[in-house]
Amino acid sequence: MTTDFGMSAARTDVLSQVLTLIRLRGDLVYTTRLGQPWGLRFPPGPAHFHYVETGAAWVTPADAPPMRIEAGDLVLLPLGKGHVIADAPDSPVEDVDAVAPGHFDRDRLVLSHGGNGPASQLVSGFFSFEGSPLPAVMSALPPLIHIPKGDAGAPAWLAAISHFLVDEAQKPDPGSSLMISRLIDLLVIRTLRSWAGSEANRVGWLGGLAEERIGRVLAAMHADPFKRWTVETLAEVASMSRSIFAERFTAAVGESPLRYLSRWRLTIAADMLRSGGLKVTEAAYKTGYSSDAAFSRAFKSHFGYAPSEAKALQTAV
């Protein structure tokens, strides 16, 4: 019998392994003071977050409808495709790159913008993923993740992290840059964990974690990815028949068990190739391919570049 603690541990293990390969890097945090009317357009680039301290805002991700957020709410925009924040969906919008030079106090990291109407104050920042693009991972994430305030206001963890972020940004001491980076990392990880635990009807590895028995299988795959798994042995972990397991896994995750396993193995191999810990021949063997050529074809199809280029791409980054 699987306990709630066991399922919680399985979710944590898979999420931790995925986030380890993504390798978050918090870049910058700043405060925005925005008087109505106001609107800012952020171009594609780093991922972003916005936490509303006072007032309200509308956030419109690229290719997604606008969402209203209020004091105590947090939005995470993990895909880095660009977005707009404004006091109303129809407010005039200016590019943040054009606004910032004349309205950004670099000593206190405060961006002031807008008119003379009622003001909103946000704590904002951006971050990036230093690991591989991880298409299978990123495809499970929406353009916007919303953590709303509860009946008692912002979640305690969110209020605490945002407080420390602003304090470190506005009163820099030795080590503040590292502290800010780590605090942003913590904010993003905590947000993803909260979202993964509450969001329903997901497809992808996050969707699989929502089903207890499929979650056990994902945890087993991630714990021992290079084991010679078969559909039969994975079905045994799930305590299901082979046919029912294959159907349920595909419905929850969006691809067959062995297809998912193959993509996860390629992801790990790519990380090891970039770090120099694995040669192409070794990577092909570990991931179960019969030849370097077959491995290289699968790798390039998945990532868009040859395994021999992985180390050079990491150096370029």
Protein backbone atom coordinates (compact mmCIF):
# COMPACT_ATOMS: atom_id res chain seq x y z
CA MET A 1 0.00 0.00 0.00
CA THR A 2 1.35 3.44 -0.93
CA THR A 3 1.06 6.10 1.77
CA ASP A 4 0.46 9.79 1.21
CA PHE A 5 4.02 10.34 2.42
CA GLY A 6 5.28 7.89 -0.19
CA MET A 7 3.47 9.68 -3.00
CA SER A 8 4.69 13.04 -1.74
CA ALA A 9 8.25 11.72 -1.78
CA ALA A 10 7.80 10.35 -5.31
CA ARG A 11 6.55 13.71 -6.57
CA THR A 12 9.41 15.49 -4.86
CA ASP A 13 11.99 13.09 -6.31
CA VAL A 14 10.80 13.50 -9.91
CA LEU A 15 10.35 17.26 -9.61
CA SER A 16 13.77 17.62 -7.98
CA GLN A 17 15.47 15.59 -10.69
CA VAL A 18 13.82 17.61 -13.44
CA LEU A 19 14.69 20.94 -11.81
CA THR A 20 18.27 19.79 -11.24
CA LEU A 21 18.74 19.30 -14.98
CA ILE A 22 17.03 22.59 -15.81
CA ARG A 23 19.50 24.40 -13.51
CA LEU A 24 17.75 27.63 -12.62
CA ARG A 25 19.70 30.86 -12.42
CA GLY A 26 18.07 33.89 -10.82
CA ASP A 27 19.26 37.01 -12.61
CA LEU A 28 17.71 40.20 -11.19
CA VAL A 29 14.95 41.46 -8.92
CA TYR A 30 13.49 44.98 -8.93
CA THR A 31 10.46 46.92 -7.69
CA THR A 32 8.04 48.61 -10.09
CA ARG A 33 5.95 51.63 -9.05
CA LEU A 34 3.24 52.17 -11.63
CA GLY A 35 0.67 54.98 -11.75
CA GLN A 36 -2.49 54.66 -13.84
CA PRO A 37 -2.61 54.58 -16.76
CA TRP A 38 0.37 52.36 -17.45
CA GLY A 39 1.45 49.43 -19.59
CA LEU A 40 4.78 47.68 -20.17
CA ARG A 41 5.72 45.20 -22.87
CA PHE A 42 8.49 42.68 -22.08
CA PRO A 43 10.19 41.14 -25.14
CA PRO A 44 10.98 37.43 -25.52
CA GLY A 45 13.99 36.43 -23.46
CA PRO A 46 14.44 35.35 -19.85
CA ALA A 47 11.57 33.89 -17.87
CA HIS A 48 9.87 36.40 -15.56
CA PHE A 49 7.83 36.67 -12.38
CA HIS A 50 5.65 39.43 -10.93
CA TYR A 51 4.40 39.63 -7.33
CA VAL A 52 1.79 42.30 -6.58
CA GLU A 53 2.52 44.10 -3.32
CA THR A 54 -0.19 46.76 -3.68
CA GLY A 55 -2.82 47.54 -6.29
CA ALA A 56 -3.56 45.28 -9.24
CA ALA A 57 -2.44 44.52 -12.78
CA TRP A 58 -3.39 42.66 -15.93
CA VAL A 59 -0.84 40.19 -17.33
CA THR A 60 -1.05 39.04 -20.94
CA PRO A 61 1.41 36.32 -22.02
CA ALA A 62 2.23 35.82 -25.69
CA ASP A 63 -0.50 33.73 -27.33
CA ALA A 64 -2.63 33.61 -24.17
CA PRO A 65 -5.56 35.62 -22.77
CA PRO A 66 -5.04 38.37 -20.17
CA MET A 67 -5.34 37.62 -16.44
CA ARG A 68 -6.04 40.06 -13.64
CA ILE A 69 -3.84 39.79 -10.55
CA GLU A 70 -4.27 41.56 -7.23
CA ALA A 71 -2.23 42.34 -4.12
CA GLY A 72 -0.80 39.08 -2.76
CA ASP A 73 -0.88 37.28 -6.15
CA LEU A 74 2.17 35.93 -7.97
CA VAL A 75 2.49 35.08 -11.65
CA LEU A 76 5.33 33.11 -13.16
CA LEU A 77 5.97 33.28 -16.92
CA PRO A 78 8.37 30.33 -17.40
CA LEU A 79 8.53 30.12 -21.19
CA GLY A 80 10.18 33.48 -21.84
CA LYS A 81 8.03 34.25 -24.91
CA GLY A 82 7.35 37.84 -23.94
CA HIS A 83 4.36 39.38 -22.17
CA VAL A 84 2.54 42.60 -21.29
CA ILE A 85 1.57 43.95 -17.88
CA ALA A 86 -0.81 46.90 -17.59
CA ASP A 87 -3.41 48.50 -15.34
CA ALA A 88 -6.12 47.52 -17.84
CA PRO A 89 -6.24 45.30 -20.95
CA ASP A 90 -6.79 48.32 -23.22
CA SER A 91 -4.20 50.67 -21.67
CA PRO A 92 -1.45 52.07 -23.93
CA VAL A 93 1.68 49.96 -23.77
CA GLU A 94 5.35 50.94 -24.05
CA ASP A 95 8.37 48.67 -24.47
CA VAL A 96 10.12 48.21 -21.14
CA ASP A 97 13.52 48.54 -22.84
CA ALA A 98 12.54 52.03 -24.00
CA VAL A 99 11.07 53.08 -20.65
CA ALA A 100 13.72 51.74 -18.28
CA PRO A 101 16.68 54.04 -19.14
CA GLY A 102 14.84 57.18 -18.04
CA HIS A 103 12.79 55.72 -15.19
CA PHE A 104 15.03 53.12 -13.55
CA ASP A 105 16.88 53.92 -10.31
CA ARG A 106 19.83 51.54 -10.58
CA ASP A 107 20.98 52.21 -7.02
CA ARG A 108 17.70 51.03 -5.51
CA LEU A 109 16.51 48.86 -8.42
CA VAL A 110 13.18 50.69 -8.73
CA LEU A 111 11.33 51.17 -12.03
CA SER A 112 8.79 54.05 -11.95
CA HIS A 113 6.36 54.48 -14.82
CA GLY A 114 2.89 55.65 -15.75
CA GLY A 115 0.58 58.53 -15.02
CA ASN A 116 -0.67 60.30 -11.91
CA GLY A 117 -3.53 57.94 -11.11
CA PRO A 118 -3.72 55.32 -8.34
CA ALA A 119 -0.46 53.38 -8.16
CA SER A 120 0.39 49.70 -8.02
CA GLN A 121 3.65 48.31 -6.71
CA LEU A 122 5.09 45.03 -7.90
CA VAL A 123 8.17 42.99 -7.06
CA SER A 124 9.43 41.60 -10.35
CA GLY A 125 12.44 39.68 -11.56
CA PHE A 126 13.76 37.36 -14.20
CA PHE A 127 15.60 34.09 -14.37
CA SER A 128 16.91 31.63 -16.92
CA PHE A 129 17.45 27.92 -17.39
CA GLU A 130 21.10 27.00 -17.81
CA GLY A 131 20.54 23.33 -18.56
CA SER A 132 19.30 21.82 -21.79
CA PRO A 133 16.12 23.13 -23.45
CA LEU A 134 14.33 20.01 -22.15
CA PRO A 135 11.39 20.09 -24.59
CA ALA A 136 9.56 17.35 -22.69
CA VAL A 137 9.84 19.33 -19.47
CA MET A 138 8.95 22.76 -20.83
CA SER A 139 6.01 21.42 -22.82
CA ALA A 140 4.34 20.53 -19.51
CA LEU A 141 4.42 24.17 -18.39
CA PRO A 142 1.81 26.76 -19.40
CA PRO A 143 2.70 30.29 -20.50
CA LEU A 144 1.52 31.62 -17.12
CA ILE A 145 1.40 30.08 -13.66
CA HIS A 146 -0.79 31.94 -11.17
CA ILE A 147 -0.43 31.58 -7.41
CA PRO A 148 -3.39 33.52 -5.99
CA LYS A 149 -3.56 34.94 -2.51
CA GLY A 150 -5.63 33.00 -0.02
CA ASP A 151 -8.33 34.25 2.33
CA ALA A 152 -5.59 35.46 4.69
CA GLY A 153 -3.58 37.17 1.94
CA ALA A 154 -0.39 36.05 0.20
CA PRO A 155 0.92 32.59 1.17
CA ALA A 156 3.40 32.89 4.03
CA TRP A 157 6.27 31.48 1.95
CA LEU A 158 5.60 33.98 -0.84
CA ALA A 159 5.42 36.99 1.47
CA ALA A 160 8.66 35.93 3.18
CA ILE A 161 10.65 35.34 -0.02
CA SER A 162 9.48 38.57 -1.63
CA HIS A 163 10.41 40.51 1.53
CA PHE A 164 13.93 39.11 1.55
CA LEU A 165 14.31 39.68 -2.21
CA VAL A 166 13.44 43.36 -1.92
CA ASP A 167 15.60 43.78 1.18
CA GLU A 168 18.66 42.28 -0.52
CA ALA A 169 18.09 44.29 -3.70
CA GLN A 170 17.62 47.65 -1.99
CA LYS A 171 20.30 47.24 0.71
CA PRO A 172 23.09 45.40 -1.09
CA ASP A 173 25.82 43.94 1.09
CA PRO A 174 28.68 41.61 0.18
CA GLY A 175 27.15 38.45 -1.25
CA SER A 176 23.82 40.10 -2.14
CA SER A 177 24.03 39.08 -5.81
CA LEU A 178 24.34 35.43 -4.83
CA MET A 179 21.59 35.76 -2.23
CA ILE A 180 19.23 37.31 -4.80
CA SER A 181 19.98 34.56 -7.30
CA ARG A 182 19.32 31.84 -4.72
CA LEU A 183 16.15 33.51 -3.47
CA ILE A 184 14.80 33.74 -7.02
CA ASP A 185 15.66 30.05 -7.46
CA LEU A 186 13.72 29.27 -4.28
CA LEU A 187 10.76 31.37 -5.38
CA VAL A 188 10.55 29.63 -8.76
CA ILE A 189 10.94 26.12 -7.32
CA ARG A 190 8.36 26.75 -4.61
CA THR A 191 5.95 28.17 -7.20
CA LEU A 192 6.37 25.17 -9.50
CA ARG A 193 5.88 22.79 -6.59
CA SER A 194 2.70 24.56 -5.47
CA TRP A 195 1.35 24.59 -9.02
CA ALA A 196 2.25 20.96 -9.66
CA GLY A 197 0.43 19.93 -6.49
CA SER A 198 -2.78 21.81 -7.25
CA GLU A 199 -3.29 22.02 -11.00
CA ALA A 200 -5.61 19.44 -12.52
CA ASN A 201 -5.85 17.91 -15.99
CA ARG A 202 -2.19 18.30 -16.88
CA VAL A 203 -0.52 16.38 -19.68
CA GLY A 204 3.15 15.43 -19.48
CA TRP A 205 5.32 14.28 -16.58
CA LEU A 206 3.41 16.66 -14.25
CA GLY A 207 0.14 15.08 -15.28
CA GLY A 208 1.55 11.64 -14.53
CA LEU A 209 2.46 12.68 -11.01
CA ALA A 210 -1.18 13.46 -10.29
CA GLU A 211 -2.07 9.75 -10.64
CA GLU A 212 -0.76 7.69 -7.76
CA ARG A 213 0.25 4.55 -9.66
CA ILE A 214 1.59 6.39 -12.70
CA GLY A 215 3.51 8.63 -10.30
CA ARG A 216 5.15 5.53 -8.80
CA VAL A 217 6.29 4.48 -12.27
CA LEU A 218 7.71 7.92 -13.08
CA ALA A 219 9.58 7.91 -9.77
CA ALA A 220 11.02 4.45 -10.58
CA MET A 221 12.08 5.56 -14.07
CA HIS A 222 13.79 8.66 -12.72
CA ALA A 223 15.45 6.77 -9.87
CA ASP A 224 16.99 4.19 -12.24
CA PRO A 225 16.67 5.54 -15.80
CA PHE A 226 19.18 3.18 -17.42
CA LYS A 227 17.68 -0.01 -16.07
CA ARG A 228 16.43 -2.32 -18.81
CA TRP A 229 12.81 -1.42 -18.26
CA THR A 230 10.05 -3.07 -20.29
CA VAL A 231 6.35 -2.27 -20.38
CA GLU A 232 5.80 -5.43 -18.34
CA THR A 233 8.20 -4.47 -15.53
CA LEU A 234 6.83 -0.92 -15.43
CA ALA A 235 3.27 -2.30 -15.27
CA GLU A 236 4.35 -4.36 -12.25
CA VAL A 237 5.50 -1.18 -10.50
CA ALA A 238 2.07 0.32 -11.20
CA SER A 239 0.30 -2.88 -10.10
CA MET A 240 -1.63 -2.93 -13.37
CA SER A 241 -1.98 -5.22 -16.32
CA ARG A 242 0.31 -4.43 -19.24
CA SER A 243 -2.48 -3.14 -21.51
CA ILE A 244 -4.25 -1.03 -18.90
CA PHE A 245 -0.96 0.46 -17.71
CA ALA A 246 0.15 1.41 -21.22
CA GLU A 247 -3.22 3.06 -21.87
CA ARG A 248 -3.32 4.94 -18.55
CA PHE A 249 0.30 6.10 -18.80
CA THR A 250 -0.18 7.43 -22.33
CA ALA A 251 -3.39 9.24 -21.35
CA ALA A 252 -1.75 10.88 -18.32
CA VAL A 253 1.69 11.70 -19.71
CA GLY A 254 0.89 12.21 -23.38
CA GLU A 255 3.24 9.55 -24.77
CA SER A 256 3.94 5.85 -24.32
CA PRO A 257 6.03 4.62 -21.35
CA LEU A 258 9.05 3.60 -23.42
CA ARG A 259 8.90 6.77 -25.51
CA TYR A 260 8.95 8.85 -22.33
CA LEU A 261 11.80 6.77 -20.94
CA SER A 262 13.81 7.17 -24.14
CA ARG A 263 13.37 10.96 -24.08
CA TRP A 264 14.37 11.15 -20.41
CA ARG A 265 17.50 9.06 -21.07
CA LEU A 266 18.44 11.38 -23.94
CA THR A 267 17.98 14.37 -21.64
CA ILE A 268 20.34 12.89 -19.05
CA ALA A 269 22.83 11.91 -21.76
CA ALA A 270 22.78 15.45 -23.15
CA ASP A 271 23.56 16.87 -19.73
CA MET A 272 26.46 14.44 -19.26
CA LEU A 273 27.80 15.15 -22.75
CA ARG A 274 27.77 18.88 -22.10
CA SER A 275 29.63 18.47 -18.81
CA GLY A 276 32.25 16.23 -20.43
CA GLY A 277 31.33 13.30 -18.21
CA LEU A 278 30.37 11.03 -21.08
CA LYS A 279 31.61 10.28 -24.60
CA VAL A 280 29.20 9.76 -27.47
CA THR A 281 29.88 6.01 -27.65
CA GLU A 282 29.28 5.68 -23.90
CA ALA A 283 26.10 7.73 -24.14
CA ALA A 284 24.79 5.51 -26.94
CA TYR A 285 25.45 2.39 -24.87
CA LYS A 286 23.90 3.77 -21.67
CA THR A 287 20.74 4.92 -23.44
CA GLY A 288 20.24 1.50 -25.04
CA TYR A 289 21.04 2.28 -28.68
CA SER A 290 22.74 -0.40 -30.75
CA SER A 291 25.08 2.02 -32.51
CA ASP A 292 26.48 5.54 -32.31
CA ALA A 293 24.67 6.36 -35.56
CA ALA A 294 21.25 5.35 -34.21
CA PHE A 295 21.88 7.31 -31.01
CA SER A 296 23.03 10.36 -32.94
CA ARG A 297 19.91 10.32 -35.12
CA ALA A 298 17.62 10.09 -32.10
CA PHE A 299 19.58 12.77 -30.25
CA LYS A 300 19.50 15.23 -33.13
CA SER A 301 15.81 14.61 -33.72
CA HIS A 302 15.11 15.40 -30.06
CA PHE A 303 17.42 18.37 -29.45
CA GLY A 304 18.07 19.76 -32.94
CA TYR A 305 21.86 19.31 -32.81
CA ALA A 306 24.28 16.38 -32.90
CA PRO A 307 25.64 14.87 -29.66
CA SER A 308 29.16 15.80 -30.77
CA GLU A 309 28.09 19.47 -30.60
CA ALA A 310 26.77 19.34 -27.02
CA LYS A 311 30.02 20.28 -25.32
CA ALA A 312 30.66 23.21 -27.66
CA LEU A 313 27.13 24.53 -27.11
CA GLN A 314 27.57 24.43 -23.33
CA THR A 315 30.88 26.32 -23.64
CA ALA A 316 29.19 28.95 -25.79
CA VAL A 317 26.50 29.48 -23.15
